[in-house]
Amino acid sequence: MPISNWCKRPSAGDLTERVIIQNPSSTLSASGSPSLSWTTVATVYANVHGASGREVIMAMTAETLITHKVHIRFRDDVSGQTRLLWRGKELEVVVALPRYNRAYLEIMCREVEE
């Protein structure tokens, strides 16, 4: 979808990518120390786009680099602690904004590079 169409309300036909939603969970190791692990919450259809140059510059002024924008159907289990897995990439959720009377979530993400 071209950038000019990004503001329009997404339709079901626009959600063509598969994204895995994961939330952090704490587990105890054999020695009793807590360790962070990720629990898969759902695999959903999404519309994923790289952020435009203008959006990246605006995000840099807010000291947060946004690399991807993701639209999914509304869910209430996506937060700033959530991560998305898409095409072998790990996307850290910066903010999830409800859109169109809570029909969709617009998720601003930062790609985590190892």
PDB file of N, CA and C in Angstrom:
ATOM      1  N   MET A   1       0.859  -1.168   0.000  1.00  0.00           N
ATOM      2  CA  MET A   1       0.000   0.000   0.000  1.00  0.00           C
ATOM      3  C   MET A   1       0.903   1.228   0.000  1.00  0.00           C
ATOM      4  N   PRO A   2       0.721   2.149  -0.933  1.00  0.00           N
ATOM      5  CA  PRO A   2       1.540   3.353  -0.954  1.00  0.00           C
ATOM      6  C   PRO A   2       1.345   4.183   0.301  1.00  0.00           C
ATOM      7  N   ILE A   3       2.339   5.003   0.605  1.00  0.00           N
ATOM      8  CA  ILE A   3       2.287   5.855   1.796  1.00  0.00           C
ATOM      9  C   ILE A   3       1.025   6.715   1.790  1.00  0.00           C
ATOM     10  N   SER A   4       0.632   7.232   0.629  1.00  0.00           N
ATOM     11  CA  SER A   4      -0.531   8.116   0.582  1.00  0.00           C
ATOM     12  C   SER A   4      -1.799   7.405   1.030  1.00  0.00           C
ATOM     13  N   ASN A   5      -1.854   6.091   0.894  1.00  0.00           N
ATOM     14  CA  ASN A   5      -3.026   5.332   1.313  1.00  0.00           C
ATOM     15  C   ASN A   5      -2.931   4.842   2.754  1.00  0.00           C
ATOM     16  N   TRP A   6      -1.808   5.089   3.408  1.00  0.00           N
ATOM     17  CA  TRP A   6      -1.614   4.554   4.754  1.00  0.00           C
ATOM     18  C   TRP A   6      -2.639   5.120   5.733  1.00  0.00           C
ATOM     19  N   CYS A   7      -3.107   6.340   5.527  1.00  0.00           N
ATOM     20  CA  CYS A   7      -4.051   6.949   6.462  1.00  0.00           C
ATOM     21  C   CYS A   7      -5.455   6.364   6.319  1.00  0.00           C
ATOM     22  N   LYS A   8      -5.741   5.733   5.204  1.00  0.00           N
ATOM     23  CA  LYS A   8      -7.096   5.213   5.024  1.00  0.00           C
ATOM     24  C   LYS A   8      -7.319   4.014   5.936  1.00  0.00           C
ATOM     25  N   ARG A   9      -8.571   3.782   6.250  1.00  0.00           N
ATOM     26  CA  ARG A   9      -8.922   2.659   7.101  1.00  0.00           C
ATOM     27  C   ARG A   9      -8.551   1.356   6.403  1.00  0.00           C
ATOM     28  N   PRO A  10      -7.802   0.485   7.070  1.00  0.00           N
ATOM     29  CA  PRO A  10      -7.443  -0.780   6.430  1.00  0.00           C
ATOM     30  C   PRO A  10      -8.675  -1.667   6.280  1.00  0.00           C
ATOM     31  N   SER A  11      -8.629  -2.535   5.311  1.00  0.00           N
ATOM     32  CA  SER A  11      -9.703  -3.512   5.153  1.00  0.00           C
ATOM     33  C   SER A  11      -9.104  -4.898   5.384  1.00  0.00           C
ATOM     34  N   ALA A  12      -9.955  -5.888   5.501  1.00  0.00           N
ATOM     35  CA  ALA A  12      -9.479  -7.252   5.741  1.00  0.00           C
ATOM     36  C   ALA A  12      -8.514  -7.689   4.643  1.00  0.00           C
ATOM     37  N   GLY A  13      -8.740  -7.223   3.413  1.00  0.00           N
ATOM     38  CA  GLY A  13      -7.863  -7.589   2.305  1.00  0.00           C
ATOM     39  C   GLY A  13      -6.469  -7.005   2.409  1.00  0.00           C
ATOM     40  N   ASP A  14      -6.292  -5.960   3.222  1.00  0.00           N
ATOM     41  CA  ASP A  14      -4.967  -5.351   3.416  1.00  0.00           C
ATOM     42  C   ASP A  14      -4.112  -6.136   4.403  1.00  0.00           C
ATOM     43  N   LEU A  15      -4.722  -6.969   5.220  1.00  0.00           N
ATOM     44  CA  LEU A  15      -3.997  -7.714   6.254  1.00  0.00           C
ATOM     45  C   LEU A  15      -3.480  -9.016   5.649  1.00  0.00           C
ATOM     46  N   THR A  16      -2.329  -8.942   5.000  1.00  0.00           N
ATOM     47  CA  THR A  16      -1.808 -10.079   4.237  1.00  0.00           C
ATOM     48  C   THR A  16      -0.572 -10.731   4.838  1.00  0.00           C
ATOM     49  N   GLU A  17       0.002 -10.141   5.850  1.00  0.00           N
ATOM     50  CA  GLU A  17       1.215 -10.678   6.478  1.00  0.00           C
ATOM     51  C   GLU A  17       0.862 -11.421   7.761  1.00  0.00           C
ATOM     52  N   ARG A  18       1.629 -12.456   8.103  1.00  0.00           N
ATOM     53  CA  ARG A  18       1.438 -13.172   9.358  1.00  0.00           C
ATOM     54  C   ARG A  18       2.442 -12.635  10.371  1.00  0.00           C
ATOM     55  N   VAL A  19       1.937 -12.281  11.558  1.00  0.00           N
ATOM     56  CA  VAL A  19       2.757 -11.726  12.627  1.00  0.00           C
ATOM     57  C   VAL A  19       2.488 -12.529  13.898  1.00  0.00           C
ATOM     58  N   ILE A  20       3.546 -12.884  14.602  1.00  0.00           N
ATOM     59  CA  ILE A  20       3.418 -13.591  15.878  1.00  0.00           C
ATOM     60  C   ILE A  20       3.520 -12.559  16.993  1.00  0.00           C
ATOM     61  N   ILE A  21       2.536 -12.551  17.888  1.00  0.00           N
ATOM     62  CA  ILE A  21       2.525 -11.642  19.033  1.00  0.00           C
ATOM     63  C   ILE A  21       3.036 -12.402  20.242  1.00  0.00           C
ATOM     64  N   GLN A  22       4.040 -11.842  20.920  1.00  0.00           N
ATOM     65  CA  GLN A  22       4.605 -12.471  22.116  1.00  0.00           C
ATOM     66  C   GLN A  22       4.659 -11.467  23.263  1.00  0.00           C
ATOM     67  N   ASN A  23       4.338 -11.950  24.442  1.00  0.00           N
ATOM     68  CA  ASN A  23       4.447 -11.147  25.663  1.00  0.00           C
ATOM     69  C   ASN A  23       5.483 -11.781  26.584  1.00  0.00           C
ATOM     70  N   PRO A  24       6.168 -10.967  27.393  1.00  0.00           N
ATOM     71  CA  PRO A  24       7.192 -11.508  28.285  1.00  0.00           C
ATOM     72  C   PRO A  24       6.563 -12.290  29.432  1.00  0.00           C
ATOM     73  N   SER A  25       7.283 -13.305  29.855  1.00  0.00           N
ATOM     74  CA  SER A  25       6.874 -14.044  31.049  1.00  0.00           C
ATOM     75  C   SER A  25       8.137 -14.385  31.824  1.00  0.00           C
ATOM     76  N   SER A  26       7.992 -14.446  33.107  1.00  0.00           N
ATOM     77  CA  SER A  26       9.127 -14.727  33.979  1.00  0.00           C
ATOM     78  C   SER A  26       9.037 -16.173  34.453  1.00  0.00           C
ATOM     79  N   THR A  27      10.134 -16.885  34.323  1.00  0.00           N
ATOM     80  CA  THR A  27      10.190 -18.268  34.794  1.00  0.00           C
ATOM     81  C   THR A  27      11.381 -18.411  35.735  1.00  0.00           C
ATOM     82  N   LEU A  28      11.326 -19.417  36.565  1.00  0.00           N
ATOM     83  CA  LEU A  28      12.436 -19.699  37.473  1.00  0.00           C
ATOM     84  C   LEU A  28      13.311 -20.789  36.883  1.00  0.00           C
ATOM     85  N   SER A  29      14.612 -20.546  36.904  1.00  0.00           N
ATOM     86  CA  SER A  29      15.553 -21.555  36.433  1.00  0.00           C
ATOM     87  C   SER A  29      15.721 -22.623  37.511  1.00  0.00           C
ATOM     88  N   ALA A  30      16.473 -23.653  37.206  1.00  0.00           N
ATOM     89  CA  ALA A  30      16.710 -24.738  38.158  1.00  0.00           C
ATOM     90  C   ALA A  30      17.386 -24.230  39.431  1.00  0.00           C
ATOM     91  N   SER A  31      18.180 -23.169  39.303  1.00  0.00           N
ATOM     92  CA  SER A  31      18.859 -22.610  40.473  1.00  0.00           C
ATOM     93  C   SER A  31      17.961 -21.653  41.261  1.00  0.00           C
ATOM     94  N   GLY A  32      16.756 -21.382  40.733  1.00  0.00           N
ATOM     95  CA  GLY A  32      15.819 -20.512  41.441  1.00  0.00           C
ATOM     96  C   GLY A  32      15.870 -19.055  41.039  1.00  0.00           C
ATOM     97  N   SER A  33      16.746 -18.720  40.089  1.00  0.00           N
ATOM     98  CA  SER A  33      16.817 -17.322  39.650  1.00  0.00           C
ATOM     99  C   SER A  33      15.811 -17.070  38.521  1.00  0.00           C
ATOM    100  N   PRO A  34      15.177 -15.903  38.522  1.00  0.00           N
ATOM    101  CA  PRO A  34      14.195 -15.614  37.477  1.00  0.00           C
ATOM    102  C   PRO A  34      14.864 -15.366  36.128  1.00  0.00           C
ATOM    103  N   SER A  35      14.217 -15.810  35.081  1.00  0.00           N
ATOM    104  CA  SER A  35      14.721 -15.545  33.736  1.00  0.00           C
ATOM    105  C   SER A  35      13.551 -15.137  32.848  1.00  0.00           C
ATOM    106  N   LEU A  36      13.852 -14.289  31.890  1.00  0.00           N
ATOM    107  CA  LEU A  36      12.831 -13.778  30.983  1.00  0.00           C
ATOM    108  C   LEU A  36      12.655 -14.747  29.825  1.00  0.00           C
ATOM    109  N   SER A  37      11.410 -15.068  29.530  1.00  0.00           N
ATOM    110  CA  SER A  37      11.109 -15.863  28.343  1.00  0.00           C
ATOM    111  C   SER A  37       9.916 -15.214  27.651  1.00  0.00           C
ATOM    112  N   TRP A  38       9.623 -15.655  26.453  1.00  0.00           N
ATOM    113  CA  TRP A  38       8.537 -15.074  25.669  1.00  0.00           C
ATOM    114  C   TRP A  38       7.463 -16.115  25.434  1.00  0.00           C
ATOM    115  N   THR A  39       6.226 -15.725  25.655  1.00  0.00           N
ATOM    116  CA  THR A  39       5.078 -16.589  25.446  1.00  0.00           C
ATOM    117  C   THR A  39       4.316 -16.102  24.224  1.00  0.00           C
ATOM    118  N   THR A  40       4.067 -16.989  23.285  1.00  0.00           N
ATOM    119  CA  THR A  40       3.297 -16.629  22.107  1.00  0.00           C
ATOM    120  C   THR A  40       1.837 -16.494  22.497  1.00  0.00           C
ATOM    121  N   VAL A  41       1.278 -15.328  22.226  1.00  0.00           N
ATOM    122  CA  VAL A  41      -0.114 -15.022  22.543  1.00  0.00           C
ATOM    123  C   VAL A  41      -1.008 -15.392  21.369  1.00  0.00           C
ATOM    124  N   ALA A  42      -0.570 -15.035  20.159  1.00  0.00           N
ATOM    125  CA  ALA A  42      -1.385 -15.293  18.968  1.00  0.00           C
ATOM    126  C   ALA A  42      -0.543 -15.108  17.716  1.00  0.00           C
ATOM    127  N   THR A  43      -1.020 -15.678  16.636  1.00  0.00           N
ATOM    128  CA  THR A  43      -0.497 -15.398  15.310  1.00  0.00           C
ATOM    129  C   THR A  43      -1.652 -14.776  14.544  1.00  0.00           C
ATOM    130  N   VAL A  44      -1.436 -13.567  14.039  1.00  0.00           N
ATOM    131  CA  VAL A  44      -2.526 -12.805  13.423  1.00  0.00           C
ATOM    132  C   VAL A  44      -2.111 -12.288  12.049  1.00  0.00           C
ATOM    133  N   TYR A  45      -3.102 -11.913  11.266  1.00  0.00           N
ATOM    134  CA  TYR A  45      -2.842 -11.247   9.994  1.00  0.00           C
ATOM    135  C   TYR A  45      -2.621  -9.767  10.251  1.00  0.00           C
ATOM    136  N   ALA A  46      -1.701  -9.173   9.492  1.00  0.00           N
ATOM    137  CA  ALA A  46      -1.326  -7.781   9.710  1.00  0.00           C
ATOM    138  C   ALA A  46      -0.968  -7.103   8.395  1.00  0.00           C
ATOM    139  N   ASN A  47      -0.880  -5.794   8.457  1.00  0.00           N
ATOM    140  CA  ASN A  47      -0.376  -4.957   7.380  1.00  0.00           C
ATOM    141  C   ASN A  47       0.887  -4.317   7.949  1.00  0.00           C
ATOM    142  N   VAL A  48       2.046  -4.652   7.398  1.00  0.00           N
ATOM    143  CA  VAL A  48       3.326  -4.190   7.936  1.00  0.00           C
ATOM    144  C   VAL A  48       4.021  -3.309   6.905  1.00  0.00           C
ATOM    145  N   HIS A  49       4.480  -2.142   7.355  1.00  0.00           N
ATOM    146  CA  HIS A  49       5.204  -1.225   6.478  1.00  0.00           C
ATOM    147  C   HIS A  49       6.372  -0.612   7.225  1.00  0.00           C
ATOM    148  N   GLY A  50       7.436  -0.360   6.489  1.00  0.00           N
ATOM    149  CA  GLY A  50       8.541   0.398   7.047  1.00  0.00           C
ATOM    150  C   GLY A  50       8.097   1.841   7.231  1.00  0.00           C
ATOM    151  N   ALA A  51       8.589   2.486   8.262  1.00  0.00           N
ATOM    152  CA  ALA A  51       8.252   3.886   8.508  1.00  0.00           C
ATOM    153  C   ALA A  51       8.912   4.750   7.436  1.00  0.00           C
ATOM    154  N   SER A  52       8.232   5.801   7.045  1.00  0.00           N
ATOM    155  CA  SER A  52       8.783   6.711   6.037  1.00  0.00           C
ATOM    156  C   SER A  52       9.914   7.535   6.654  1.00  0.00           C
ATOM    157  N   GLY A  53      10.709   8.166   5.807  1.00  0.00           N
ATOM    158  CA  GLY A  53      11.807   9.000   6.299  1.00  0.00           C
ATOM    159  C   GLY A  53      11.317  10.103   7.214  1.00  0.00           C
ATOM    160  N   ARG A  54      10.194  10.713   6.881  1.00  0.00           N
ATOM    161  CA  ARG A  54       9.643  11.778   7.712  1.00  0.00           C
ATOM    162  C   ARG A  54       9.251  11.243   9.089  1.00  0.00           C
ATOM    163  N   GLU A  55       8.625  10.063   9.122  1.00  0.00           N
ATOM    164  CA  GLU A  55       8.225   9.478  10.405  1.00  0.00           C
ATOM    165  C   GLU A  55       9.438   9.127  11.246  1.00  0.00           C
ATOM    166  N   VAL A  56      10.501   8.652  10.601  1.00  0.00           N
ATOM    167  CA  VAL A  56      11.727   8.336  11.335  1.00  0.00           C
ATOM    168  C   VAL A  56      12.317   9.594  11.946  1.00  0.00           C
ATOM    169  N   ILE A  57      12.341  10.688  11.187  1.00  0.00           N
ATOM    170  CA  ILE A  57      12.877  11.957  11.709  1.00  0.00           C
ATOM    171  C   ILE A  57      12.030  12.456  12.872  1.00  0.00           C
ATOM    172  N   MET A  58      10.704  12.387  12.733  1.00  0.00           N
ATOM    173  CA  MET A  58       9.823  12.824  13.818  1.00  0.00           C
ATOM    174  C   MET A  58      10.035  11.955  15.055  1.00  0.00           C
ATOM    175  N   ALA A  59      10.218  10.663  14.862  1.00  0.00           N
ATOM    176  CA  ALA A  59      10.437   9.773  15.996  1.00  0.00           C
ATOM    177  C   ALA A  59      11.771  10.061  16.669  1.00  0.00           C
ATOM    178  N   MET A  60      12.777  10.430  15.875  1.00  0.00           N
ATOM    179  CA  MET A  60      14.088  10.723  16.450  1.00  0.00           C
ATOM    180  C   MET A  60      14.011  11.941  17.363  1.00  0.00           C
ATOM    181  N   THR A  61      13.160  12.892  17.047  1.00  0.00           N
ATOM    182  CA  THR A  61      13.031  14.053  17.911  1.00  0.00           C
ATOM    183  C   THR A  61      12.393  13.668  19.241  1.00  0.00           C
ATOM    184  N   ALA A  62      11.624  12.595  19.241  1.00  0.00           N
ATOM    185  CA  ALA A  62      11.025  12.110  20.477  1.00  0.00           C
ATOM    186  C   ALA A  62      11.942  11.088  21.148  1.00  0.00           C
ATOM    187  N   GLU A  63      13.163  10.924  20.608  1.00  0.00           N
ATOM    188  CA  GLU A  63      14.177  10.012  21.136  1.00  0.00           C
ATOM    189  C   GLU A  63      13.750   8.550  21.088  1.00  0.00           C
ATOM    190  N   THR A  64      12.887   8.220  20.150  1.00  0.00           N
ATOM    191  CA  THR A  64      12.479   6.840  19.929  1.00  0.00           C
ATOM    192  C   THR A  64      12.501   6.587  18.436  1.00  0.00           C
ATOM    193  N   LEU A  65      13.220   5.595  17.997  1.00  0.00           N
ATOM    194  CA  LEU A  65      13.307   5.299  16.580  1.00  0.00           C
ATOM    195  C   LEU A  65      12.200   4.322  16.203  1.00  0.00           C
ATOM    196  N   ILE A  66      11.304   4.748  15.331  1.00  0.00           N
ATOM    197  CA  ILE A  66      10.237   3.897  14.823  1.00  0.00           C
ATOM    198  C   ILE A  66      10.687   3.381  13.468  1.00  0.00           C
ATOM    199  N   THR A  67      10.763   2.070  13.287  1.00  0.00           N
ATOM    200  CA  THR A  67      11.199   1.518  12.010  1.00  0.00           C
ATOM    201  C   THR A  67      10.057   0.885  11.228  1.00  0.00           C
ATOM    202  N   HIS A  68       8.988   0.458  11.926  1.00  0.00           N
ATOM    203  CA  HIS A  68       7.871  -0.209  11.255  1.00  0.00           C
ATOM    204  C   HIS A  68       6.539   0.239  11.848  1.00  0.00           C
ATOM    205  N   LYS A  69       5.507   0.253  10.985  1.00  0.00           N
ATOM    206  CA  LYS A  69       4.133   0.478  11.427  1.00  0.00           C
ATOM    207  C   LYS A  69       3.335  -0.767  11.064  1.00  0.00           C
ATOM    208  N   VAL A  70       2.554  -1.247  12.004  1.00  0.00           N
ATOM    209  CA  VAL A  70       1.799  -2.484  11.819  1.00  0.00           C
ATOM    210  C   VAL A  70       0.332  -2.219  12.144  1.00  0.00           C
ATOM    211  N   HIS A  71      -0.558  -2.649  11.275  1.00  0.00           N
ATOM    212  CA  HIS A  71      -1.992  -2.617  11.552  1.00  0.00           C
ATOM    213  C   HIS A  71      -2.467  -4.047  11.755  1.00  0.00           C
ATOM    214  N   ILE A  72      -3.196  -4.295  12.840  1.00  0.00           N
ATOM    215  CA  ILE A  72      -3.857  -5.578  13.070  1.00  0.00           C
ATOM    216  C   ILE A  72      -5.273  -5.286  13.557  1.00  0.00           C
ATOM    217  N   ARG A  73      -6.113  -6.307  13.570  1.00  0.00           N
ATOM    218  CA  ARG A  73      -7.426  -6.131  14.174  1.00  0.00           C
ATOM    219  C   ARG A  73      -7.221  -5.865  15.667  1.00  0.00           C
ATOM    220  N   PHE A  74      -8.141  -5.108  16.262  1.00  0.00           N
ATOM    221  CA  PHE A  74      -7.970  -4.683  17.648  1.00  0.00           C
ATOM    222  C   PHE A  74      -7.833  -5.869  18.595  1.00  0.00           C
ATOM    223  N   ARG A  75      -6.892  -5.734  19.511  1.00  0.00           N
ATOM    224  CA  ARG A  75      -6.678  -6.671  20.618  1.00  0.00           C
ATOM    225  C   ARG A  75      -6.306  -5.832  21.828  1.00  0.00           C
ATOM    226  N   ASP A  76      -6.620  -6.326  23.013  1.00  0.00           N
ATOM    227  CA  ASP A  76      -6.243  -5.558  24.208  1.00  0.00           C
ATOM    228  C   ASP A  76      -5.041  -6.153  24.926  1.00  0.00           C
ATOM    229  N   ASP A  77      -4.360  -7.113  24.312  1.00  0.00           N
ATOM    230  CA  ASP A  77      -3.198  -7.736  24.951  1.00  0.00           C
ATOM    231  C   ASP A  77      -1.876  -7.309  24.313  1.00  0.00           C
ATOM    232  N   VAL A  78      -1.877  -6.215  23.566  1.00  0.00           N
ATOM    233  CA  VAL A  78      -0.655  -5.684  22.973  1.00  0.00           C
ATOM    234  C   VAL A  78      -0.292  -4.395  23.709  1.00  0.00           C
ATOM    235  N   SER A  79       0.945  -4.337  24.224  1.00  0.00           N
ATOM    236  CA  SER A  79       1.386  -3.174  25.001  1.00  0.00           C
ATOM    237  C   SER A  79       2.840  -2.854  24.653  1.00  0.00           C
ATOM    238  N   GLY A  80       3.401  -1.918  25.362  1.00  0.00           N
ATOM    239  CA  GLY A  80       4.799  -1.535  25.168  1.00  0.00           C
ATOM    240  C   GLY A  80       5.787  -2.609  25.583  1.00  0.00           C
ATOM    241  N   GLN A  81       5.307  -3.687  26.202  1.00  0.00           N
ATOM    242  CA  GLN A  81       6.194  -4.790  26.583  1.00  0.00           C
ATOM    243  C   GLN A  81       6.140  -5.928  25.573  1.00  0.00           C
ATOM    244  N   THR A  82       5.240  -5.834  24.618  1.00  0.00           N
ATOM    245  CA  THR A  82       5.023  -6.882  23.631  1.00  0.00           C
ATOM    246  C   THR A  82       6.090  -6.820  22.542  1.00  0.00           C
ATOM    247  N   ARG A  83       6.348  -7.960  21.924  1.00  0.00           N
ATOM    248  CA  ARG A  83       7.180  -7.969  20.727  1.00  0.00           C
ATOM    249  C   ARG A  83       6.428  -8.717  19.631  1.00  0.00           C
ATOM    250  N   LEU A  84       6.758  -8.366  18.391  1.00  0.00           N
ATOM    251  CA  LEU A  84       6.166  -9.018  17.231  1.00  0.00           C
ATOM    252  C   LEU A  84       7.281  -9.706  16.462  1.00  0.00           C
ATOM    253  N   LEU A  85       7.003 -10.873  15.939  1.00  0.00           N
ATOM    254  CA  LEU A  85       7.942 -11.578  15.074  1.00  0.00           C
ATOM    255  C   LEU A  85       7.346 -11.583  13.678  1.00  0.00           C
ATOM    256  N   TRP A  86       8.114 -11.080  12.715  1.00  0.00           N
ATOM    257  CA  TRP A  86       7.636 -10.948  11.346  1.00  0.00           C
ATOM    258  C   TRP A  86       8.784 -11.186  10.380  1.00  0.00           C
ATOM    259  N   ARG A  87       8.627 -12.157   9.504  1.00  0.00           N
ATOM    260  CA  ARG A  87       9.633 -12.471   8.478  1.00  0.00           C
ATOM    261  C   ARG A  87      11.035 -12.606   9.054  1.00  0.00           C
ATOM    262  N   GLY A  88      11.152 -13.246  10.204  1.00  0.00           N
ATOM    263  CA  GLY A  88      12.450 -13.457  10.832  1.00  0.00           C
ATOM    264  C   GLY A  88      12.988 -12.246  11.572  1.00  0.00           C
ATOM    265  N   LYS A  89      12.197 -11.179  11.644  1.00  0.00           N
ATOM    266  CA  LYS A  89      12.622  -9.972  12.352  1.00  0.00           C
ATOM    267  C   LYS A  89      11.893  -9.873  13.678  1.00  0.00           C
ATOM    268  N   GLU A  90      12.578  -9.309  14.650  1.00  0.00           N
ATOM    269  CA  GLU A  90      11.976  -9.049  15.961  1.00  0.00           C
ATOM    270  C   GLU A  90      11.647  -7.563  16.041  1.00  0.00           C
ATOM    271  N   LEU A  91      10.359  -7.260  16.230  1.00  0.00           N
ATOM    272  CA  LEU A  91       9.903  -5.877  16.315  1.00  0.00           C
ATOM    273  C   LEU A  91       9.435  -5.607  17.732  1.00  0.00           C
ATOM    274  N   GLU A  92      10.064  -4.644  18.392  1.00  0.00           N
ATOM    275  CA  GLU A  92       9.692  -4.252  19.754  1.00  0.00           C
ATOM    276  C   GLU A  92       8.597  -3.187  19.672  1.00  0.00           C
ATOM    277  N   VAL A  93       7.491  -3.415  20.346  1.00  0.00           N
ATOM    278  CA  VAL A  93       6.384  -2.461  20.316  1.00  0.00           C
ATOM    279  C   VAL A  93       6.756  -1.221  21.122  1.00  0.00           C
ATOM    280  N   VAL A  94       6.673  -0.064  20.492  1.00  0.00           N
ATOM    281  CA  VAL A  94       6.900   1.205  21.174  1.00  0.00           C
ATOM    282  C   VAL A  94       5.572   1.712  21.721  1.00  0.00           C
ATOM    283  N   VAL A  95       4.543   1.691  20.868  1.00  0.00           N
ATOM    284  CA  VAL A  95       3.206   2.116  21.287  1.00  0.00           C
ATOM    285  C   VAL A  95       2.171   1.435  20.397  1.00  0.00           C
ATOM    286  N   ALA A  96       1.041   1.083  20.991  1.00  0.00           N
ATOM    287  CA  ALA A  96      -0.079   0.494  20.258  1.00  0.00           C
ATOM    288  C   ALA A  96      -1.280   1.417  20.429  1.00  0.00           C
ATOM    289  N   LEU A  97      -1.769   1.957  19.331  1.00  0.00           N
ATOM    290  CA  LEU A  97      -2.844   2.944  19.366  1.00  0.00           C
ATOM    291  C   LEU A  97      -4.130   2.371  18.767  1.00  0.00           C
ATOM    292  N   PRO A  98      -5.226   2.380  19.529  1.00  0.00           N
ATOM    293  CA  PRO A  98      -6.501   1.927  18.948  1.00  0.00           C
ATOM    294  C   PRO A  98      -6.976   2.918  17.893  1.00  0.00           C
ATOM    295  N   ARG A  99      -7.474   2.390  16.779  1.00  0.00           N
ATOM    296  CA  ARG A  99      -7.941   3.229  15.681  1.00  0.00           C
ATOM    297  C   ARG A  99      -9.312   2.747  15.214  1.00  0.00           C
ATOM    298  N   TYR A 100     -10.054   3.664  14.589  1.00  0.00           N
ATOM    299  CA  TYR A 100     -11.334   3.351  13.955  1.00  0.00           C
ATOM    300  C   TYR A 100     -12.293   2.656  14.924  1.00  0.00           C
ATOM    301  N   ASN A 101     -12.583   3.345  16.040  1.00  0.00           N
ATOM    302  CA  ASN A 101     -13.490   2.822  17.075  1.00  0.00           C
ATOM    303  C   ASN A 101     -13.070   1.440  17.571  1.00  0.00           C
ATOM    304  N   ARG A 102     -11.775   1.284  17.785  1.00  0.00           N
ATOM    305  CA  ARG A 102     -11.205   0.040  18.310  1.00  0.00           C
ATOM    306  C   ARG A 102     -11.402  -1.147  17.364  1.00  0.00           C
ATOM    307  N   ALA A 103     -11.511  -0.872  16.078  1.00  0.00           N
ATOM    308  CA  ALA A 103     -11.587  -1.958  15.102  1.00  0.00           C
ATOM    309  C   ALA A 103     -10.176  -2.462  14.774  1.00  0.00           C
ATOM    310  N   TYR A 104      -9.186  -1.550  14.808  1.00  0.00           N
ATOM    311  CA  TYR A 104      -7.806  -1.894  14.477  1.00  0.00           C
ATOM    312  C   TYR A 104      -6.852  -1.303  15.511  1.00  0.00           C
ATOM    313  N   LEU A 105      -5.659  -1.888  15.566  1.00  0.00           N
ATOM    314  CA  LEU A 105      -4.554  -1.321  16.339  1.00  0.00           C
ATOM    315  C   LEU A 105      -3.505  -0.848  15.347  1.00  0.00           C
ATOM    316  N   GLU A 106      -2.999   0.353  15.550  1.00  0.00           N
ATOM    317  CA  GLU A 106      -1.855   0.838  14.805  1.00  0.00           C
ATOM    318  C   GLU A 106      -0.673   0.726  15.763  1.00  0.00           C
ATOM    319  N   ILE A 107       0.275  -0.106  15.416  1.00  0.00           N
ATOM    320  CA  ILE A 107       1.391  -0.412  16.315  1.00  0.00           C
ATOM    321  C   ILE A 107       2.668   0.178  15.731  1.00  0.00           C
ATOM    322  N   MET A 108       3.313   1.029  16.504  1.00  0.00           N
ATOM    323  CA  MET A 108       4.599   1.607  16.121  1.00  0.00           C
ATOM    324  C   MET A 108       5.688   0.728  16.740  1.00  0.00           C
ATOM    325  N   CYS A 109       6.621   0.272  15.906  1.00  0.00           N
ATOM    326  CA  CYS A 109       7.621  -0.689  16.371  1.00  0.00           C
ATOM    327  C   CYS A 109       9.029  -0.224  16.043  1.00  0.00           C
ATOM    328  N   ARG A 110       9.956  -0.819  16.755  1.00  0.00           N
ATOM    329  CA  ARG A 110      11.390  -0.608  16.525  1.00  0.00           C
ATOM    330  C   ARG A 110      12.001  -1.972  16.280  1.00  0.00           C
ATOM    331  N   GLU A 111      12.716  -2.118  15.174  1.00  0.00           N
ATOM    332  CA  GLU A 111      13.344  -3.404  14.887  1.00  0.00           C
ATOM    333  C   GLU A 111      14.537  -3.622  15.816  1.00  0.00           C
ATOM    334  N   VAL A 112      14.587  -4.779  16.424  1.00  0.00           N
ATOM    335  CA  VAL A 112      15.687  -5.137  17.324  1.00  0.00           C
ATOM    336  C   VAL A 112      16.731  -5.867  16.496  1.00  0.00           C
ATOM    337  N   GLU A 113      17.930  -5.326  16.491  1.00  0.00           N
ATOM    338  CA  GLU A 113      19.016  -5.953  15.756  1.00  0.00           C
ATOM    339  C   GLU A 113      19.964  -6.612  16.729  1.00  0.00           C
ATOM    340  N   GLU A 114      20.322  -7.834  16.396  1.00  0.00           N
ATOM    341  CA  GLU A 114      21.185  -8.587  17.312  1.00  0.00           C
ATOM    342  C   GLU A 114      22.624  -8.346  17.050  1.00  0.00           C
TER     343      GLU A 114
END
